[in-house]
N, C-alpha and C. Protein backbone atom coordinates (compact mmCIF):
# COMPACT_ATOMS: atom_id res chain seq x y z
N UNK A 1 -4.65 8.28 11.50
CA UNK A 1 -5.59 7.85 12.51
C UNK A 1 -6.95 8.50 12.29
N UNK A 2 -6.93 9.80 11.98
CA UNK A 2 -8.18 10.51 11.73
C UNK A 2 -8.91 9.92 10.52
N UNK A 3 -8.16 9.57 9.49
CA UNK A 3 -8.77 8.98 8.29
C UNK A 3 -9.42 7.64 8.63
N UNK A 4 -8.77 6.81 9.43
CA UNK A 4 -9.34 5.52 9.83
C UNK A 4 -10.62 5.71 10.63
N UNK A 5 -10.59 6.62 11.59
CA UNK A 5 -11.75 6.87 12.42
C UNK A 5 -12.93 7.37 11.58
N UNK A 6 -12.66 8.35 10.72
CA UNK A 6 -13.73 8.92 9.90
C UNK A 6 -14.26 7.90 8.90
N UNK A 7 -13.38 7.11 8.30
CA UNK A 7 -13.83 6.09 7.34
C UNK A 7 -14.70 5.06 8.04
N UNK A 8 -14.33 4.67 9.25
CA UNK A 8 -15.13 3.70 10.00
C UNK A 8 -16.50 4.28 10.33
N UNK A 9 -16.52 5.53 10.70
CA UNK A 9 -17.76 6.20 11.03
C UNK A 9 -18.69 6.31 9.82
N UNK A 10 -18.12 6.61 8.66
CA UNK A 10 -18.93 6.87 7.47
C UNK A 10 -19.31 5.59 6.75
N UNK A 11 -18.34 4.70 6.51
CA UNK A 11 -18.62 3.55 5.67
C UNK A 11 -19.13 2.34 6.45
N UNK A 12 -18.45 2.00 7.53
CA UNK A 12 -18.82 0.80 8.27
C UNK A 12 -18.50 -0.49 7.54
N UNK A 13 -18.00 -0.42 6.35
CA UNK A 13 -17.65 -1.59 5.54
C UNK A 13 -16.14 -1.78 5.62
N UNK A 14 -15.70 -2.85 6.28
CA UNK A 14 -14.28 -3.00 6.57
C UNK A 14 -13.42 -3.12 5.31
N UNK A 15 -13.89 -3.83 4.29
CA UNK A 15 -13.08 -3.99 3.08
C UNK A 15 -12.97 -2.67 2.33
N UNK A 16 -14.11 -2.01 2.11
CA UNK A 16 -14.08 -0.72 1.44
C UNK A 16 -13.28 0.28 2.24
N UNK A 17 -13.43 0.24 3.56
CA UNK A 17 -12.69 1.15 4.43
C UNK A 17 -11.20 0.92 4.31
N UNK A 18 -10.78 -0.35 4.32
CA UNK A 18 -9.36 -0.66 4.22
C UNK A 18 -8.79 -0.18 2.89
N UNK A 19 -9.50 -0.40 1.81
CA UNK A 19 -9.03 0.04 0.49
C UNK A 19 -8.99 1.56 0.43
N UNK A 20 -10.00 2.21 0.95
CA UNK A 20 -10.06 3.67 0.93
C UNK A 20 -8.92 4.27 1.74
N UNK A 21 -8.70 3.75 2.93
CA UNK A 21 -7.63 4.27 3.77
C UNK A 21 -6.28 3.99 3.14
N UNK A 22 -6.13 2.85 2.47
CA UNK A 22 -4.88 2.57 1.77
C UNK A 22 -4.63 3.59 0.66
N UNK A 23 -5.69 3.97 -0.05
CA UNK A 23 -5.55 4.97 -1.11
C UNK A 23 -5.14 6.33 -0.53
N UNK A 24 -5.75 6.70 0.59
CA UNK A 24 -5.42 7.97 1.23
C UNK A 24 -4.00 7.92 1.79
N UNK A 25 -3.64 6.82 2.43
CA UNK A 25 -2.29 6.68 2.99
C UNK A 25 -1.23 6.70 1.89
N UNK A 26 -1.53 6.08 0.77
CA UNK A 26 -0.59 6.09 -0.36
C UNK A 26 -0.42 7.49 -0.92
N UNK A 27 -1.48 8.25 -0.94
CA UNK A 27 -1.38 9.64 -1.37
C UNK A 27 -0.52 10.43 -0.39
N UNK A 28 -0.73 10.21 0.90
CA UNK A 28 0.09 10.89 1.91
C UNK A 28 1.57 10.54 1.72
N UNK A 29 1.86 9.29 1.43
CA UNK A 29 3.24 8.86 1.20
C UNK A 29 3.85 9.65 0.05
N UNK A 30 3.15 9.72 -1.06
CA UNK A 30 3.68 10.44 -2.23
C UNK A 30 3.86 11.92 -1.92
N UNK A 31 2.89 12.53 -1.27
CA UNK A 31 2.96 13.97 -0.99
C UNK A 31 4.08 14.34 -0.04
N UNK A 32 4.37 13.47 0.93
CA UNK A 32 5.33 13.86 1.96
C UNK A 32 6.69 13.17 1.85
N UNK A 33 6.80 12.13 1.06
CA UNK A 33 8.09 11.49 0.83
C UNK A 33 8.70 11.96 -0.50
N UNK A 34 7.84 12.27 -1.44
CA UNK A 34 8.32 12.80 -2.73
C UNK A 34 7.57 14.07 -3.07
N UNK A 35 7.70 15.11 -2.24
CA UNK A 35 6.86 16.30 -2.40
C UNK A 35 7.02 17.06 -3.71
N UNK A 36 8.11 16.84 -4.41
CA UNK A 36 8.32 17.54 -5.68
C UNK A 36 8.12 16.63 -6.89
N UNK A 37 7.65 15.42 -6.63
CA UNK A 37 7.39 14.51 -7.76
C UNK A 37 6.16 15.01 -8.54
N UNK A 38 6.09 14.60 -9.77
CA UNK A 38 4.97 15.02 -10.62
C UNK A 38 3.63 14.61 -10.02
N UNK A 39 3.56 13.40 -9.49
CA UNK A 39 2.28 12.93 -8.95
C UNK A 39 1.90 13.57 -7.63
N UNK A 40 2.80 14.37 -7.06
CA UNK A 40 2.49 15.07 -5.81
C UNK A 40 1.84 16.43 -6.06
N UNK A 41 1.88 16.91 -7.30
CA UNK A 41 1.26 18.22 -7.52
C UNK A 41 -0.26 18.10 -7.47
N UNK A 42 -0.94 19.19 -7.14
CA UNK A 42 -2.39 19.13 -6.95
C UNK A 42 -3.17 18.61 -8.15
N UNK A 43 -2.71 18.92 -9.36
CA UNK A 43 -3.41 18.43 -10.55
C UNK A 43 -3.50 16.90 -10.51
N UNK A 44 -2.44 16.26 -10.08
CA UNK A 44 -2.39 14.80 -10.05
C UNK A 44 -3.03 14.23 -8.79
N UNK A 45 -2.68 14.78 -7.63
CA UNK A 45 -3.20 14.19 -6.39
C UNK A 45 -4.71 14.41 -6.25
N UNK A 46 -5.15 15.62 -6.46
CA UNK A 46 -6.59 15.90 -6.36
C UNK A 46 -7.32 15.41 -7.60
N UNK A 47 -6.78 15.75 -8.76
CA UNK A 47 -7.42 15.36 -10.02
C UNK A 47 -7.53 13.86 -10.20
N UNK A 48 -6.49 13.13 -9.81
CA UNK A 48 -6.51 11.67 -9.95
C UNK A 48 -7.62 11.04 -9.13
N UNK A 49 -7.76 11.49 -7.89
CA UNK A 49 -8.83 10.95 -7.04
C UNK A 49 -10.20 11.36 -7.57
N UNK A 50 -10.34 12.59 -8.04
CA UNK A 50 -11.63 13.04 -8.58
C UNK A 50 -12.02 12.23 -9.81
N UNK A 51 -11.06 11.98 -10.69
CA UNK A 51 -11.32 11.17 -11.88
C UNK A 51 -11.69 9.74 -11.47
N UNK A 52 -11.00 9.20 -10.48
CA UNK A 52 -11.29 7.84 -10.03
C UNK A 52 -12.69 7.74 -9.42
N UNK A 53 -13.07 8.74 -8.64
CA UNK A 53 -14.44 8.75 -8.08
C UNK A 53 -15.46 8.78 -9.21
N UNK A 54 -15.23 9.62 -10.21
CA UNK A 54 -16.17 9.72 -11.33
C UNK A 54 -16.24 8.40 -12.11
N UNK A 55 -15.08 7.81 -12.40
CA UNK A 55 -15.06 6.56 -13.17
C UNK A 55 -15.76 5.44 -12.41
N UNK A 56 -15.44 5.30 -11.13
CA UNK A 56 -16.05 4.23 -10.33
C UNK A 56 -17.54 4.46 -10.14
N UNK A 57 -17.93 5.72 -10.03
CA UNK A 57 -19.36 6.03 -9.90
C UNK A 57 -20.12 5.64 -11.16
N UNK A 58 -19.51 5.88 -12.32
CA UNK A 58 -20.14 5.46 -13.58
C UNK A 58 -20.30 3.94 -13.65
N UNK A 59 -19.26 3.23 -13.27
CA UNK A 59 -19.32 1.76 -13.29
C UNK A 59 -20.35 1.27 -12.28
N UNK A 60 -20.35 1.83 -11.08
CA UNK A 60 -21.30 1.42 -10.06
C UNK A 60 -22.73 1.72 -10.50
N UNK A 61 -22.95 2.89 -11.08
CA UNK A 61 -24.27 3.25 -11.58
C UNK A 61 -24.72 2.26 -12.65
N UNK A 62 -23.82 1.96 -13.59
CA UNK A 62 -24.16 1.01 -14.64
C UNK A 62 -24.51 -0.36 -14.05
N UNK A 63 -23.69 -0.82 -13.12
CA UNK A 63 -23.89 -2.15 -12.54
C UNK A 63 -25.19 -2.24 -11.77
N UNK A 64 -25.48 -1.23 -10.97
CA UNK A 64 -26.65 -1.33 -10.09
C UNK A 64 -27.95 -0.86 -10.74
N UNK A 65 -27.90 0.17 -11.57
CA UNK A 65 -29.14 0.74 -12.07
C UNK A 65 -29.47 0.34 -13.50
N UNK A 66 -28.48 0.03 -14.28
CA UNK A 66 -28.75 -0.37 -15.66
C UNK A 66 -28.92 -1.88 -15.74
N UNK A 67 -28.02 -2.64 -15.11
CA UNK A 67 -28.12 -4.10 -15.18
C UNK A 67 -28.90 -4.67 -14.00
N UNK A 68 -29.11 -3.88 -12.95
CA UNK A 68 -29.84 -4.37 -11.79
C UNK A 68 -29.01 -5.24 -10.88
N UNK A 69 -27.71 -5.26 -11.05
CA UNK A 69 -26.84 -6.09 -10.24
C UNK A 69 -26.36 -5.32 -9.02
N UNK A 70 -26.57 -5.89 -7.85
CA UNK A 70 -26.02 -5.30 -6.64
C UNK A 70 -24.95 -6.25 -6.14
N UNK A 71 -23.73 -5.79 -6.10
CA UNK A 71 -22.63 -6.67 -5.74
C UNK A 71 -21.83 -6.17 -4.56
N UNK A 72 -22.24 -5.11 -3.90
CA UNK A 72 -21.49 -4.55 -2.79
C UNK A 72 -21.28 -5.63 -1.73
N UNK A 73 -20.03 -5.86 -1.39
CA UNK A 73 -19.70 -6.85 -0.37
C UNK A 73 -19.68 -8.28 -0.88
N UNK A 74 -20.09 -8.50 -2.11
CA UNK A 74 -20.10 -9.84 -2.69
C UNK A 74 -18.86 -9.98 -3.56
N UNK A 75 -17.93 -10.81 -3.11
CA UNK A 75 -16.68 -10.93 -3.84
C UNK A 75 -16.76 -12.07 -4.85
N UNK A 76 -17.69 -11.96 -5.72
CA UNK A 76 -17.89 -12.95 -6.77
C UNK A 76 -17.11 -12.54 -8.01
N UNK A 77 -17.21 -13.37 -9.02
CA UNK A 77 -16.57 -13.07 -10.30
C UNK A 77 -17.13 -11.77 -10.88
N UNK A 78 -18.42 -11.53 -10.69
CA UNK A 78 -19.03 -10.30 -11.19
C UNK A 78 -18.45 -9.07 -10.50
N UNK A 79 -18.25 -9.17 -9.18
CA UNK A 79 -17.62 -8.06 -8.46
C UNK A 79 -16.22 -7.81 -9.02
N UNK A 80 -15.47 -8.87 -9.23
CA UNK A 80 -14.12 -8.74 -9.79
C UNK A 80 -14.13 -8.05 -11.14
N UNK A 81 -15.11 -8.39 -11.96
CA UNK A 81 -15.23 -7.76 -13.28
C UNK A 81 -15.48 -6.27 -13.14
N UNK A 82 -16.46 -5.88 -12.32
CA UNK A 82 -16.77 -4.47 -12.17
C UNK A 82 -15.64 -3.70 -11.48
N UNK A 83 -14.97 -4.33 -10.53
CA UNK A 83 -13.83 -3.68 -9.87
C UNK A 83 -12.72 -3.42 -10.89
N UNK A 84 -12.41 -4.43 -11.70
CA UNK A 84 -11.37 -4.26 -12.72
C UNK A 84 -11.78 -3.20 -13.74
N UNK A 85 -13.05 -3.19 -14.11
CA UNK A 85 -13.54 -2.19 -15.05
C UNK A 85 -13.41 -0.78 -14.48
N UNK A 86 -13.76 -0.60 -13.22
CA UNK A 86 -13.66 0.72 -12.59
C UNK A 86 -12.21 1.17 -12.49
N UNK A 87 -11.32 0.29 -12.06
CA UNK A 87 -9.90 0.65 -11.94
C UNK A 87 -9.31 0.93 -13.32
N UNK A 88 -9.62 0.09 -14.30
CA UNK A 88 -9.11 0.31 -15.65
C UNK A 88 -9.62 1.60 -16.26
N UNK A 89 -10.90 1.88 -16.09
CA UNK A 89 -11.47 3.13 -16.61
C UNK A 89 -10.84 4.34 -15.91
N UNK A 90 -10.65 4.24 -14.61
CA UNK A 90 -10.01 5.33 -13.87
C UNK A 90 -8.59 5.57 -14.39
N UNK A 91 -7.85 4.49 -14.61
CA UNK A 91 -6.48 4.62 -15.13
C UNK A 91 -6.48 5.27 -16.50
N UNK A 92 -7.38 4.83 -17.37
CA UNK A 92 -7.46 5.40 -18.72
C UNK A 92 -7.80 6.89 -18.66
N UNK A 93 -8.80 7.24 -17.86
CA UNK A 93 -9.22 8.64 -17.77
C UNK A 93 -8.14 9.51 -17.13
N UNK A 94 -7.42 8.97 -16.15
CA UNK A 94 -6.31 9.73 -15.57
C UNK A 94 -5.23 9.99 -16.62
N UNK A 95 -4.94 8.99 -17.44
CA UNK A 95 -3.93 9.17 -18.49
C UNK A 95 -4.40 10.19 -19.53
N UNK A 96 -5.67 10.12 -19.89
CA UNK A 96 -6.20 11.05 -20.89
C UNK A 96 -6.27 12.49 -20.38
N UNK A 97 -6.46 12.67 -19.08
CA UNK A 97 -6.59 14.02 -18.52
C UNK A 97 -5.31 14.52 -17.85
N UNK A 98 -4.24 13.75 -17.98
CA UNK A 98 -2.95 14.09 -17.37
C UNK A 98 -3.08 14.32 -15.87
N UNK A 99 -3.78 13.41 -15.21
CA UNK A 99 -3.96 13.47 -13.75
C UNK A 99 -3.53 12.15 -13.10
N UNK A 100 -2.52 11.49 -13.67
CA UNK A 100 -2.10 10.19 -13.16
C UNK A 100 -1.66 10.28 -11.70
N UNK A 101 -2.27 9.44 -10.89
CA UNK A 101 -1.94 9.35 -9.47
C UNK A 101 -2.27 7.93 -9.04
N UNK A 102 -1.24 7.10 -8.92
CA UNK A 102 -1.43 5.67 -8.68
C UNK A 102 -2.36 5.34 -7.51
N UNK A 103 -2.28 6.02 -6.37
CA UNK A 103 -3.19 5.68 -5.28
C UNK A 103 -4.67 5.85 -5.62
N UNK A 104 -4.98 6.65 -6.62
CA UNK A 104 -6.37 6.85 -6.99
C UNK A 104 -7.01 5.58 -7.55
N UNK A 105 -6.21 4.64 -8.01
CA UNK A 105 -6.77 3.35 -8.44
C UNK A 105 -7.45 2.67 -7.26
N UNK A 106 -6.88 2.83 -6.07
CA UNK A 106 -7.50 2.30 -4.86
C UNK A 106 -8.81 2.98 -4.54
N UNK A 107 -8.90 4.25 -4.88
CA UNK A 107 -10.15 4.98 -4.70
C UNK A 107 -11.25 4.37 -5.56
N UNK A 108 -10.93 4.08 -6.81
CA UNK A 108 -11.93 3.46 -7.70
C UNK A 108 -12.38 2.12 -7.13
N UNK A 109 -11.44 1.33 -6.65
CA UNK A 109 -11.79 0.03 -6.06
C UNK A 109 -12.66 0.21 -4.82
N UNK A 110 -12.34 1.17 -3.98
CA UNK A 110 -13.12 1.40 -2.75
C UNK A 110 -14.55 1.83 -3.07
N UNK A 111 -14.72 2.67 -4.07
CA UNK A 111 -16.07 3.12 -4.46
C UNK A 111 -16.90 1.92 -4.93
N UNK A 112 -16.30 1.05 -5.74
CA UNK A 112 -17.03 -0.12 -6.23
C UNK A 112 -17.31 -1.08 -5.07
N UNK A 113 -16.34 -1.28 -4.19
CA UNK A 113 -16.52 -2.22 -3.07
C UNK A 113 -17.59 -1.73 -2.10
N UNK A 114 -17.69 -0.42 -1.92
CA UNK A 114 -18.66 0.13 -0.98
C UNK A 114 -20.00 0.42 -1.65
N UNK A 115 -19.98 0.73 -2.91
CA UNK A 115 -21.19 1.16 -3.60
C UNK A 115 -21.21 2.67 -3.70
N UNK A 116 -21.94 3.17 -4.65
CA UNK A 116 -22.02 4.62 -4.88
C UNK A 116 -22.64 5.28 -3.66
N UNK A 117 -21.86 6.11 -3.02
CA UNK A 117 -22.29 6.79 -1.80
C UNK A 117 -21.63 8.16 -1.79
N UNK A 118 -22.43 9.21 -1.86
CA UNK A 118 -21.87 10.55 -1.96
C UNK A 118 -21.14 10.95 -0.68
N UNK A 119 -21.57 10.43 0.46
CA UNK A 119 -20.86 10.72 1.71
C UNK A 119 -19.43 10.19 1.63
N UNK A 120 -19.27 9.00 1.08
CA UNK A 120 -17.95 8.41 0.92
C UNK A 120 -17.10 9.25 -0.02
N UNK A 121 -17.67 9.67 -1.14
CA UNK A 121 -16.93 10.48 -2.11
C UNK A 121 -16.53 11.83 -1.52
N UNK A 122 -17.44 12.45 -0.77
CA UNK A 122 -17.14 13.73 -0.14
C UNK A 122 -16.05 13.56 0.92
N UNK A 123 -16.16 12.50 1.71
CA UNK A 123 -15.13 12.22 2.72
C UNK A 123 -13.77 12.05 2.05
N UNK A 124 -13.73 11.25 1.02
CA UNK A 124 -12.46 10.99 0.35
C UNK A 124 -11.86 12.27 -0.22
N UNK A 125 -12.65 13.03 -0.93
CA UNK A 125 -12.13 14.26 -1.53
C UNK A 125 -11.74 15.29 -0.47
N UNK A 126 -12.46 15.31 0.65
CA UNK A 126 -12.07 16.20 1.75
C UNK A 126 -10.71 15.81 2.30
N UNK A 127 -10.48 14.51 2.49
CA UNK A 127 -9.19 14.05 2.99
C UNK A 127 -8.07 14.38 2.00
N UNK A 128 -8.33 14.18 0.72
CA UNK A 128 -7.31 14.48 -0.30
C UNK A 128 -7.04 15.98 -0.34
N UNK A 129 -8.07 16.80 -0.25
CA UNK A 129 -7.88 18.25 -0.23
C UNK A 129 -7.10 18.69 1.01
N UNK A 130 -7.39 18.09 2.16
CA UNK A 130 -6.63 18.41 3.38
C UNK A 130 -5.16 18.03 3.22
N UNK A 131 -4.90 16.85 2.70
CA UNK A 131 -3.52 16.43 2.48
C UNK A 131 -2.81 17.37 1.50
N UNK A 132 -3.50 17.73 0.42
CA UNK A 132 -2.91 18.63 -0.57
C UNK A 132 -2.65 20.01 0.05
N UNK A 133 -3.54 20.47 0.92
CA UNK A 133 -3.34 21.74 1.59
C UNK A 133 -2.15 21.73 2.52
N UNK A 134 -2.02 20.67 3.30
CA UNK A 134 -0.86 20.55 4.19
C UNK A 134 0.42 20.44 3.37
N UNK A 135 0.34 19.68 2.28
CA UNK A 135 1.50 19.55 1.38
C UNK A 135 1.92 20.92 0.85
N UNK A 136 0.95 21.71 0.42
CA UNK A 136 1.27 23.04 -0.12
C UNK A 136 1.90 23.94 0.95
N UNK A 137 1.41 23.85 2.17
CA UNK A 137 1.97 24.66 3.26
C UNK A 137 3.39 24.25 3.64
N UNK A 138 3.67 22.96 3.57
CA UNK A 138 4.97 22.44 4.02
C UNK A 138 5.95 22.15 2.90
N UNK A 139 5.55 22.31 1.67
CA UNK A 139 6.37 21.88 0.54
C UNK A 139 7.78 22.45 0.57
N UNK A 140 7.93 23.70 0.95
CA UNK A 140 9.26 24.32 0.98
C UNK A 140 10.16 23.72 2.07
N UNK A 141 9.57 23.08 3.04
CA UNK A 141 10.34 22.48 4.15
C UNK A 141 10.55 20.99 3.97
N UNK A 142 9.90 20.39 3.00
CA UNK A 142 9.99 18.95 2.79
C UNK A 142 11.10 18.62 1.80
N UNK A 143 11.67 17.45 1.96
CA UNK A 143 12.73 16.98 1.06
C UNK A 143 12.26 15.72 0.35
N UNK A 144 12.70 15.57 -0.90
CA UNK A 144 12.39 14.34 -1.63
C UNK A 144 13.27 13.22 -1.10
N UNK A 145 12.63 12.12 -0.76
CA UNK A 145 13.36 10.95 -0.28
C UNK A 145 13.44 9.85 -1.33
N UNK A 146 12.85 10.09 -2.48
CA UNK A 146 13.00 9.13 -3.58
C UNK A 146 13.07 9.87 -4.88
């Protein structure tokens, strides 16, 4: 609930907000339903989102400042191309840095859908850090359900 409220306050963009909250909720699912899974460790949960933010920021920067294309909120073929490029680049970089975290693909999509915005990136990373902190505090009391 807090993530939805804060995302609405910061982004105001319903599509980007929905994708961002889905990425955060998916991370929460992994951390608290499979707390001992590889993707639940901080390297993956925090690192995956950080890599996704960086990858999507590069794609967004290229799209808006190098080519002059502004596509935020425009669900055209061009938006689809840049969204796929950001998600694919994020996946590749996560694999190369051993920070694979599937929900972070949603982070890359949200950054592209909303546009490069440092407030959004800080909000997202703050939420992921909070989840990782709670996970670390409760890990000994949590059980793997998958």
